[in-house]
Amino acid sequence: MGGAAAIGRAIRADISKTVRDVMLLAADNVMNATPVDTTHAANNWVLSLGSPFTGVDGSRDAPSNSAQRAGIAAVQNYDVGRDGKVFLRNNVFYLQFLDEGWSQQAPPNFVAEAFAGGVRRAPRGKKTAARKMLRGMAAQAYKKGY
């Protein structure tokens, strides 16, 4: 029985590492792809465990990235059995317009493209599943219809 438990722990560790690596790369990609005027929008890409981050960190006049740093730290210690789902959200109300191409600093749909870049960290044989997961997350990465 010790063999089965060891295999289970190894699978759990492998899944946790894959999710962690893919999500950290997707977060880095989308943070770097977000047009920057005050850093407020880029600083509000927040990773969270269990449920999506629902707040806005800082303001355009006083940008903050404390929630972003806390989310990255949490995901760096991610364990699929303990932590459940990982979310990457941005609740800045004007992000929808940036993603529609209102800024000359980024092309339209930069959010989906940045999320898709996270697939590079997925191991061979897991890229299709990672692509599907990230495509779904990109569609829900920010609130639409303001």
N, C-alpha and C. Protein backbone atom coordinates (compact mmCIF):
# COMPACT_ATOMS: atom_id res chain seq x y z
N MET A 1 0.81 -1.20 0.00
CA MET A 1 0.00 0.00 0.00
C MET A 1 0.85 1.26 0.00
N GLY A 2 2.04 1.21 0.57
CA GLY A 2 2.92 2.37 0.56
C GLY A 2 3.25 2.80 -0.85
N GLY A 3 3.30 1.84 -1.79
CA GLY A 3 3.61 2.17 -3.18
C GLY A 3 2.51 3.00 -3.80
N ALA A 4 1.27 2.65 -3.55
CA ALA A 4 0.15 3.41 -4.12
C ALA A 4 0.09 4.82 -3.55
N ALA A 5 0.35 4.94 -2.25
CA ALA A 5 0.34 6.25 -1.61
C ALA A 5 1.45 7.13 -2.18
N ALA A 6 2.60 6.54 -2.41
CA ALA A 6 3.72 7.29 -2.97
C ALA A 6 3.41 7.75 -4.40
N ILE A 7 2.77 6.89 -5.16
CA ILE A 7 2.38 7.26 -6.53
C ILE A 7 1.36 8.39 -6.48
N GLY A 8 0.39 8.31 -5.57
CA GLY A 8 -0.61 9.37 -5.42
C GLY A 8 0.04 10.69 -5.06
N ARG A 9 1.00 10.68 -4.13
CA ARG A 9 1.70 11.91 -3.74
C ARG A 9 2.49 12.48 -4.92
N ALA A 10 3.11 11.59 -5.69
CA ALA A 10 3.88 12.05 -6.85
C ALA A 10 2.97 12.68 -7.91
N ILE A 11 1.81 12.08 -8.14
CA ILE A 11 0.85 12.64 -9.10
C ILE A 11 0.35 13.99 -8.62
N ARG A 12 0.01 14.06 -7.34
CA ARG A 12 -0.46 15.33 -6.76
C ARG A 12 0.62 16.41 -6.88
N ALA A 13 1.85 16.07 -6.59
CA ALA A 13 2.95 17.03 -6.70
C ALA A 13 3.15 17.47 -8.15
N ASP A 14 3.02 16.54 -9.09
CA ASP A 14 3.20 16.86 -10.51
C ASP A 14 2.09 17.79 -11.01
N ILE A 15 0.85 17.49 -10.63
CA ILE A 15 -0.27 18.34 -11.02
C ILE A 15 -0.13 19.72 -10.40
N SER A 16 0.24 19.78 -9.13
CA SER A 16 0.42 21.06 -8.45
C SER A 16 1.49 21.89 -9.14
N LYS A 17 2.61 21.28 -9.49
CA LYS A 17 3.70 21.99 -10.15
C LYS A 17 3.26 22.50 -11.52
N THR A 18 2.54 21.67 -12.27
CA THR A 18 2.08 22.08 -13.60
C THR A 18 1.15 23.28 -13.50
N VAL A 19 0.15 23.21 -12.61
CA VAL A 19 -0.80 24.32 -12.45
C VAL A 19 -0.06 25.57 -11.99
N ARG A 20 0.82 25.41 -11.03
CA ARG A 20 1.60 26.54 -10.51
C ARG A 20 2.41 27.20 -11.62
N ASP A 21 3.16 26.41 -12.38
CA ASP A 21 4.01 26.96 -13.44
C ASP A 21 3.20 27.63 -14.54
N VAL A 22 2.11 26.99 -14.96
CA VAL A 22 1.27 27.55 -16.02
C VAL A 22 0.63 28.85 -15.57
N MET A 23 0.11 28.89 -14.35
CA MET A 23 -0.57 30.09 -13.87
C MET A 23 0.40 31.25 -13.62
N LEU A 24 1.57 30.95 -13.10
CA LEU A 24 2.55 32.02 -12.89
C LEU A 24 3.02 32.61 -14.21
N LEU A 25 3.20 31.77 -15.22
CA LEU A 25 3.60 32.28 -16.53
C LEU A 25 2.47 33.08 -17.17
N ALA A 26 1.24 32.58 -17.09
CA ALA A 26 0.10 33.31 -17.64
C ALA A 26 -0.04 34.67 -16.95
N ALA A 27 0.12 34.70 -15.63
CA ALA A 27 0.02 35.96 -14.89
C ALA A 27 1.13 36.93 -15.32
N ASP A 28 2.33 36.43 -15.43
CA ASP A 28 3.45 37.28 -15.85
C ASP A 28 3.19 37.83 -17.26
N ASN A 29 2.73 36.97 -18.15
CA ASN A 29 2.44 37.40 -19.52
C ASN A 29 1.39 38.50 -19.57
N VAL A 30 0.29 38.32 -18.85
CA VAL A 30 -0.80 39.29 -18.92
C VAL A 30 -0.43 40.59 -18.21
N MET A 31 0.36 40.51 -17.14
CA MET A 31 0.81 41.72 -16.46
C MET A 31 1.70 42.55 -17.40
N ASN A 32 2.60 41.87 -18.08
CA ASN A 32 3.51 42.56 -18.99
C ASN A 32 2.82 43.04 -20.27
N ALA A 33 1.74 42.40 -20.67
CA ALA A 33 1.02 42.78 -21.89
C ALA A 33 0.04 43.93 -21.66
N THR A 34 -0.34 44.17 -20.41
CA THR A 34 -1.32 45.20 -20.10
C THR A 34 -0.72 46.59 -20.35
N PRO A 35 -1.43 47.43 -21.11
CA PRO A 35 -0.94 48.80 -21.35
C PRO A 35 -0.71 49.54 -20.03
N VAL A 36 0.34 50.33 -19.98
CA VAL A 36 0.71 51.00 -18.74
C VAL A 36 0.66 52.52 -18.91
N ASP A 37 -0.16 53.14 -18.09
CA ASP A 37 -0.16 54.59 -17.96
C ASP A 37 0.25 54.90 -16.52
N THR A 38 -0.53 54.36 -15.58
CA THR A 38 -0.24 54.58 -14.16
C THR A 38 0.17 53.29 -13.45
N THR A 39 0.18 52.18 -14.12
CA THR A 39 0.40 50.80 -13.61
C THR A 39 -0.80 50.24 -12.87
N HIS A 40 -1.87 51.03 -12.71
CA HIS A 40 -3.04 50.57 -11.96
C HIS A 40 -3.65 49.30 -12.56
N ALA A 41 -3.86 49.28 -13.87
CA ALA A 41 -4.45 48.09 -14.51
C ALA A 41 -3.51 46.90 -14.43
N ALA A 42 -2.25 47.09 -14.73
CA ALA A 42 -1.28 45.99 -14.69
C ALA A 42 -1.12 45.43 -13.28
N ASN A 43 -1.16 46.30 -12.27
CA ASN A 43 -1.01 45.86 -10.88
C ASN A 43 -2.23 45.13 -10.34
N ASN A 44 -3.33 45.17 -11.05
CA ASN A 44 -4.54 44.52 -10.56
C ASN A 44 -4.79 43.15 -11.15
N TRP A 45 -3.82 42.56 -11.81
CA TRP A 45 -3.91 41.15 -12.18
C TRP A 45 -3.55 40.37 -10.93
N VAL A 46 -4.57 39.77 -10.30
CA VAL A 46 -4.37 39.14 -8.99
C VAL A 46 -4.70 37.65 -9.07
N LEU A 47 -3.71 36.84 -8.71
CA LEU A 47 -3.91 35.40 -8.57
C LEU A 47 -4.54 35.13 -7.21
N SER A 48 -5.46 34.18 -7.15
CA SER A 48 -6.06 33.82 -5.87
C SER A 48 -6.39 32.34 -5.87
N LEU A 49 -6.52 31.79 -4.68
CA LEU A 49 -6.83 30.37 -4.51
C LEU A 49 -8.22 30.21 -3.92
N GLY A 50 -8.98 29.27 -4.47
CA GLY A 50 -10.30 28.96 -3.93
C GLY A 50 -11.44 29.77 -4.51
N SER A 51 -11.25 31.09 -4.64
CA SER A 51 -12.28 31.95 -5.23
C SER A 51 -11.59 33.15 -5.88
N PRO A 52 -12.26 33.76 -6.85
CA PRO A 52 -11.65 34.90 -7.53
C PRO A 52 -11.50 36.11 -6.62
N PHE A 53 -10.43 36.86 -6.80
CA PHE A 53 -10.24 38.13 -6.11
C PHE A 53 -11.33 39.07 -6.61
N THR A 54 -12.00 39.77 -5.70
CA THR A 54 -13.14 40.61 -6.10
C THR A 54 -12.89 42.10 -5.92
N GLY A 55 -11.76 42.47 -5.36
CA GLY A 55 -11.50 43.88 -5.10
C GLY A 55 -10.68 44.55 -6.18
N VAL A 56 -10.33 45.79 -5.92
CA VAL A 56 -9.41 46.57 -6.75
C VAL A 56 -8.35 47.08 -5.80
N ASP A 57 -7.09 46.83 -6.12
CA ASP A 57 -5.98 47.23 -5.27
C ASP A 57 -5.47 48.61 -5.70
N GLY A 58 -5.46 49.55 -4.78
CA GLY A 58 -4.97 50.89 -5.09
C GLY A 58 -5.95 51.66 -5.97
N SER A 59 -5.41 52.69 -6.62
CA SER A 59 -6.21 53.53 -7.52
C SER A 59 -5.30 54.06 -8.61
N ARG A 60 -5.89 54.74 -9.59
CA ARG A 60 -5.06 55.33 -10.65
C ARG A 60 -4.11 56.37 -10.06
N ASP A 61 -4.55 57.07 -9.02
CA ASP A 61 -3.71 58.09 -8.40
C ASP A 61 -2.67 57.51 -7.44
N ALA A 62 -2.99 56.37 -6.85
CA ALA A 62 -2.08 55.71 -5.90
C ALA A 62 -2.05 54.21 -6.18
N PRO A 63 -1.38 53.80 -7.26
CA PRO A 63 -1.35 52.38 -7.61
C PRO A 63 -0.69 51.54 -6.51
N SER A 64 -1.15 50.32 -6.38
CA SER A 64 -0.60 49.38 -5.40
C SER A 64 -0.54 48.00 -6.05
N ASN A 65 0.43 47.23 -5.66
CA ASN A 65 0.48 45.85 -6.14
C ASN A 65 0.58 44.86 -4.98
N SER A 66 0.09 45.25 -3.81
CA SER A 66 0.18 44.36 -2.65
C SER A 66 -0.67 43.11 -2.81
N ALA A 67 -1.87 43.24 -3.37
CA ALA A 67 -2.72 42.06 -3.59
C ALA A 67 -2.08 41.15 -4.64
N GLN A 68 -1.48 41.75 -5.65
CA GLN A 68 -0.80 40.99 -6.70
C GLN A 68 0.36 40.18 -6.11
N ARG A 69 1.18 40.83 -5.29
CA ARG A 69 2.32 40.14 -4.66
C ARG A 69 1.84 39.02 -3.75
N ALA A 70 0.77 39.26 -2.99
CA ALA A 70 0.24 38.23 -2.09
C ALA A 70 -0.29 37.04 -2.88
N GLY A 71 -0.95 37.31 -4.01
CA GLY A 71 -1.46 36.23 -4.85
C GLY A 71 -0.35 35.39 -5.45
N ILE A 72 0.71 36.05 -5.90
CA ILE A 72 1.85 35.32 -6.46
C ILE A 72 2.48 34.44 -5.39
N ALA A 73 2.64 34.98 -4.19
CA ALA A 73 3.21 34.20 -3.09
C ALA A 73 2.35 32.98 -2.77
N ALA A 74 1.04 33.16 -2.78
CA ALA A 74 0.14 32.03 -2.49
C ALA A 74 0.26 30.94 -3.55
N VAL A 75 0.33 31.34 -4.82
CA VAL A 75 0.41 30.36 -5.90
C VAL A 75 1.77 29.67 -5.93
N GLN A 76 2.81 30.34 -5.48
CA GLN A 76 4.12 29.71 -5.44
C GLN A 76 4.15 28.52 -4.48
N ASN A 77 3.21 28.48 -3.53
CA ASN A 77 3.10 27.37 -2.58
C ASN A 77 1.87 26.51 -2.86
N TYR A 78 1.36 26.56 -4.07
CA TYR A 78 0.11 25.89 -4.43
C TYR A 78 0.20 24.37 -4.31
N ASP A 79 -0.85 23.79 -3.76
CA ASP A 79 -1.03 22.34 -3.70
C ASP A 79 -2.46 22.04 -4.11
N VAL A 80 -2.62 21.24 -5.16
CA VAL A 80 -3.95 20.99 -5.73
C VAL A 80 -4.92 20.39 -4.70
N GLY A 81 -4.45 19.54 -3.83
CA GLY A 81 -5.34 18.92 -2.84
C GLY A 81 -5.75 19.87 -1.74
N ARG A 82 -4.87 20.76 -1.39
CA ARG A 82 -5.14 21.70 -0.29
C ARG A 82 -5.85 22.96 -0.76
N ASP A 83 -5.47 23.49 -1.92
CA ASP A 83 -5.89 24.83 -2.33
C ASP A 83 -7.02 24.88 -3.35
N GLY A 84 -7.27 23.81 -4.07
CA GLY A 84 -8.36 23.82 -5.05
C GLY A 84 -8.04 24.63 -6.30
N LYS A 85 -9.02 25.39 -6.77
CA LYS A 85 -8.87 26.14 -8.01
C LYS A 85 -7.98 27.36 -7.85
N VAL A 86 -7.34 27.74 -8.96
CA VAL A 86 -6.54 28.96 -9.02
C VAL A 86 -7.27 29.92 -9.97
N PHE A 87 -7.35 31.18 -9.57
CA PHE A 87 -8.00 32.20 -10.38
C PHE A 87 -7.02 33.32 -10.68
N LEU A 88 -7.19 33.94 -11.83
CA LEU A 88 -6.43 35.12 -12.21
C LEU A 88 -7.44 36.14 -12.72
N ARG A 89 -7.61 37.22 -11.96
CA ARG A 89 -8.65 38.21 -12.30
C ARG A 89 -8.08 39.62 -12.26
N ASN A 90 -8.78 40.49 -12.96
CA ASN A 90 -8.50 41.92 -12.90
C ASN A 90 -9.85 42.62 -12.85
N ASN A 91 -10.10 43.36 -11.79
CA ASN A 91 -11.40 44.00 -11.60
C ASN A 91 -11.39 45.50 -11.89
N VAL A 92 -10.34 46.00 -12.54
CA VAL A 92 -10.30 47.40 -12.92
C VAL A 92 -11.35 47.62 -14.01
N PHE A 93 -12.25 48.57 -13.79
CA PHE A 93 -13.42 48.70 -14.66
C PHE A 93 -13.08 48.98 -16.12
N TYR A 94 -11.95 49.59 -16.41
CA TYR A 94 -11.64 49.96 -17.79
C TYR A 94 -10.81 48.92 -18.53
N LEU A 95 -10.53 47.78 -17.90
CA LEU A 95 -9.72 46.76 -18.58
C LEU A 95 -10.42 46.25 -19.84
N GLN A 96 -11.72 46.15 -19.80
CA GLN A 96 -12.49 45.72 -20.98
C GLN A 96 -12.15 46.59 -22.19
N PHE A 97 -12.05 47.88 -21.98
CA PHE A 97 -11.76 48.79 -23.08
C PHE A 97 -10.32 48.65 -23.56
N LEU A 98 -9.40 48.45 -22.63
CA LEU A 98 -8.01 48.22 -23.03
C LEU A 98 -7.92 46.97 -23.90
N ASP A 99 -8.65 45.91 -23.50
CA ASP A 99 -8.62 44.64 -24.25
C ASP A 99 -9.32 44.75 -25.60
N GLU A 100 -10.19 45.73 -25.74
CA GLU A 100 -10.85 45.96 -27.02
C GLU A 100 -10.00 46.79 -27.97
N GLY A 101 -8.81 47.21 -27.51
CA GLY A 101 -7.90 47.93 -28.38
C GLY A 101 -7.91 49.44 -28.23
N TRP A 102 -8.45 49.95 -27.14
CA TRP A 102 -8.53 51.40 -26.96
C TRP A 102 -7.17 52.03 -26.68
N SER A 103 -6.19 51.22 -26.33
CA SER A 103 -4.84 51.74 -26.09
C SER A 103 -3.96 51.37 -27.27
N GLN A 104 -3.10 52.27 -27.66
CA GLN A 104 -2.16 51.97 -28.75
C GLN A 104 -1.01 51.10 -28.26
N GLN A 105 -0.92 50.88 -26.95
CA GLN A 105 0.16 50.09 -26.38
C GLN A 105 -0.04 48.58 -26.49
N ALA A 106 -1.26 48.15 -26.78
CA ALA A 106 -1.53 46.71 -26.85
C ALA A 106 -2.60 46.46 -27.91
N PRO A 107 -2.50 45.32 -28.59
CA PRO A 107 -3.49 44.99 -29.61
C PRO A 107 -4.80 44.53 -28.96
N PRO A 108 -5.89 44.54 -29.72
CA PRO A 108 -7.14 43.98 -29.20
C PRO A 108 -6.92 42.51 -28.82
N ASN A 109 -7.62 42.05 -27.81
CA ASN A 109 -7.56 40.66 -27.33
C ASN A 109 -6.21 40.29 -26.75
N PHE A 110 -5.48 41.26 -26.22
CA PHE A 110 -4.18 40.95 -25.63
C PHE A 110 -4.32 40.04 -24.41
N VAL A 111 -5.46 40.08 -23.73
CA VAL A 111 -5.65 39.25 -22.54
C VAL A 111 -5.65 37.77 -22.93
N ALA A 112 -6.44 37.39 -23.91
CA ALA A 112 -6.50 35.99 -24.34
C ALA A 112 -5.14 35.52 -24.87
N GLU A 113 -4.46 36.39 -25.61
CA GLU A 113 -3.15 36.02 -26.14
C GLU A 113 -2.14 35.81 -25.01
N ALA A 114 -2.18 36.67 -24.01
CA ALA A 114 -1.26 36.54 -22.89
C ALA A 114 -1.54 35.28 -22.07
N PHE A 115 -2.82 34.98 -21.86
CA PHE A 115 -3.18 33.76 -21.14
C PHE A 115 -2.69 32.53 -21.92
N ALA A 116 -2.88 32.55 -23.22
CA ALA A 116 -2.48 31.41 -24.05
C ALA A 116 -0.98 31.15 -23.95
N GLY A 117 -0.20 32.18 -23.69
CA GLY A 117 1.24 32.01 -23.54
C GLY A 117 1.61 31.13 -22.36
N GLY A 118 0.74 30.99 -21.39
CA GLY A 118 0.99 30.12 -20.24
C GLY A 118 1.10 28.66 -20.60
N VAL A 119 0.59 28.29 -21.76
CA VAL A 119 0.61 26.89 -22.20
C VAL A 119 2.05 26.40 -22.38
N ARG A 120 2.97 27.32 -22.64
CA ARG A 120 4.37 26.91 -22.85
C ARG A 120 4.93 26.15 -21.67
N ARG A 121 4.43 26.40 -20.46
CA ARG A 121 4.94 25.72 -19.27
C ARG A 121 4.28 24.37 -19.02
N ALA A 122 3.26 24.07 -19.77
CA ALA A 122 2.58 22.78 -19.58
C ALA A 122 3.47 21.67 -20.14
N PRO A 123 3.55 20.55 -19.44
CA PRO A 123 4.38 19.44 -19.94
C PRO A 123 3.77 18.82 -21.19
N ARG A 124 4.60 18.16 -21.93
CA ARG A 124 4.17 17.46 -23.13
C ARG A 124 2.99 16.54 -22.78
N GLY A 125 1.97 16.56 -23.59
CA GLY A 125 0.79 15.75 -23.34
C GLY A 125 -0.28 16.47 -22.53
N LYS A 126 0.06 17.61 -21.95
CA LYS A 126 -0.90 18.37 -21.14
C LYS A 126 -1.23 19.72 -21.76
N LYS A 127 -0.64 20.03 -22.90
CA LYS A 127 -0.82 21.35 -23.52
C LYS A 127 -2.27 21.60 -23.94
N THR A 128 -2.95 20.60 -24.46
CA THR A 128 -4.33 20.79 -24.90
C THR A 128 -5.22 21.11 -23.70
N ALA A 129 -5.04 20.38 -22.60
CA ALA A 129 -5.83 20.64 -21.40
C ALA A 129 -5.52 22.03 -20.83
N ALA A 130 -4.24 22.39 -20.82
CA ALA A 130 -3.85 23.71 -20.32
C ALA A 130 -4.42 24.81 -21.21
N ARG A 131 -4.38 24.62 -22.51
CA ARG A 131 -4.92 25.62 -23.44
C ARG A 131 -6.41 25.82 -23.20
N LYS A 132 -7.14 24.73 -23.01
CA LYS A 132 -8.59 24.81 -22.77
C LYS A 132 -8.86 25.53 -21.44
N MET A 133 -8.09 25.20 -20.40
CA MET A 133 -8.27 25.83 -19.11
C MET A 133 -8.01 27.34 -19.21
N LEU A 134 -6.91 27.72 -19.86
CA LEU A 134 -6.55 29.13 -19.95
C LEU A 134 -7.50 29.91 -20.84
N ARG A 135 -8.02 29.27 -21.89
CA ARG A 135 -8.99 29.95 -22.75
C ARG A 135 -10.24 30.30 -21.95
N GLY A 136 -10.70 29.36 -21.13
CA GLY A 136 -11.86 29.62 -20.28
C GLY A 136 -11.60 30.69 -19.25
N MET A 137 -10.40 30.68 -18.67
CA MET A 137 -10.04 31.68 -17.68
C MET A 137 -9.93 33.06 -18.32
N ALA A 138 -9.38 33.14 -19.53
CA ALA A 138 -9.25 34.43 -20.20
C ALA A 138 -10.61 35.06 -20.46
N ALA A 139 -11.59 34.23 -20.75
CA ALA A 139 -12.94 34.74 -21.02
C ALA A 139 -13.57 35.33 -19.77
N GLN A 140 -13.10 34.91 -18.60
CA GLN A 140 -13.66 35.39 -17.33
C GLN A 140 -12.66 36.22 -16.52
N ALA A 141 -11.59 36.67 -17.16
CA ALA A 141 -10.51 37.36 -16.45
C ALA A 141 -10.89 38.74 -15.97
N TYR A 142 -11.88 39.34 -16.57
CA TYR A 142 -12.32 40.66 -16.13
C TYR A 142 -13.80 40.80 -16.41
N LYS A 143 -14.40 41.74 -15.71
CA LYS A 143 -15.85 41.98 -15.85
C LYS A 143 -16.12 42.73 -17.14
N LYS A 144 -17.13 42.31 -17.86
CA LYS A 144 -17.51 42.97 -19.11
C LYS A 144 -18.86 43.65 -18.93
N GLY A 145 -19.12 44.62 -19.74
CA GLY A 145 -20.44 45.24 -19.75
C GLY A 145 -20.62 46.41 -18.81
N TYR A 146 -19.57 47.13 -18.53
CA TYR A 146 -19.71 48.31 -17.67
C TYR A 146 -20.40 49.41 -18.39
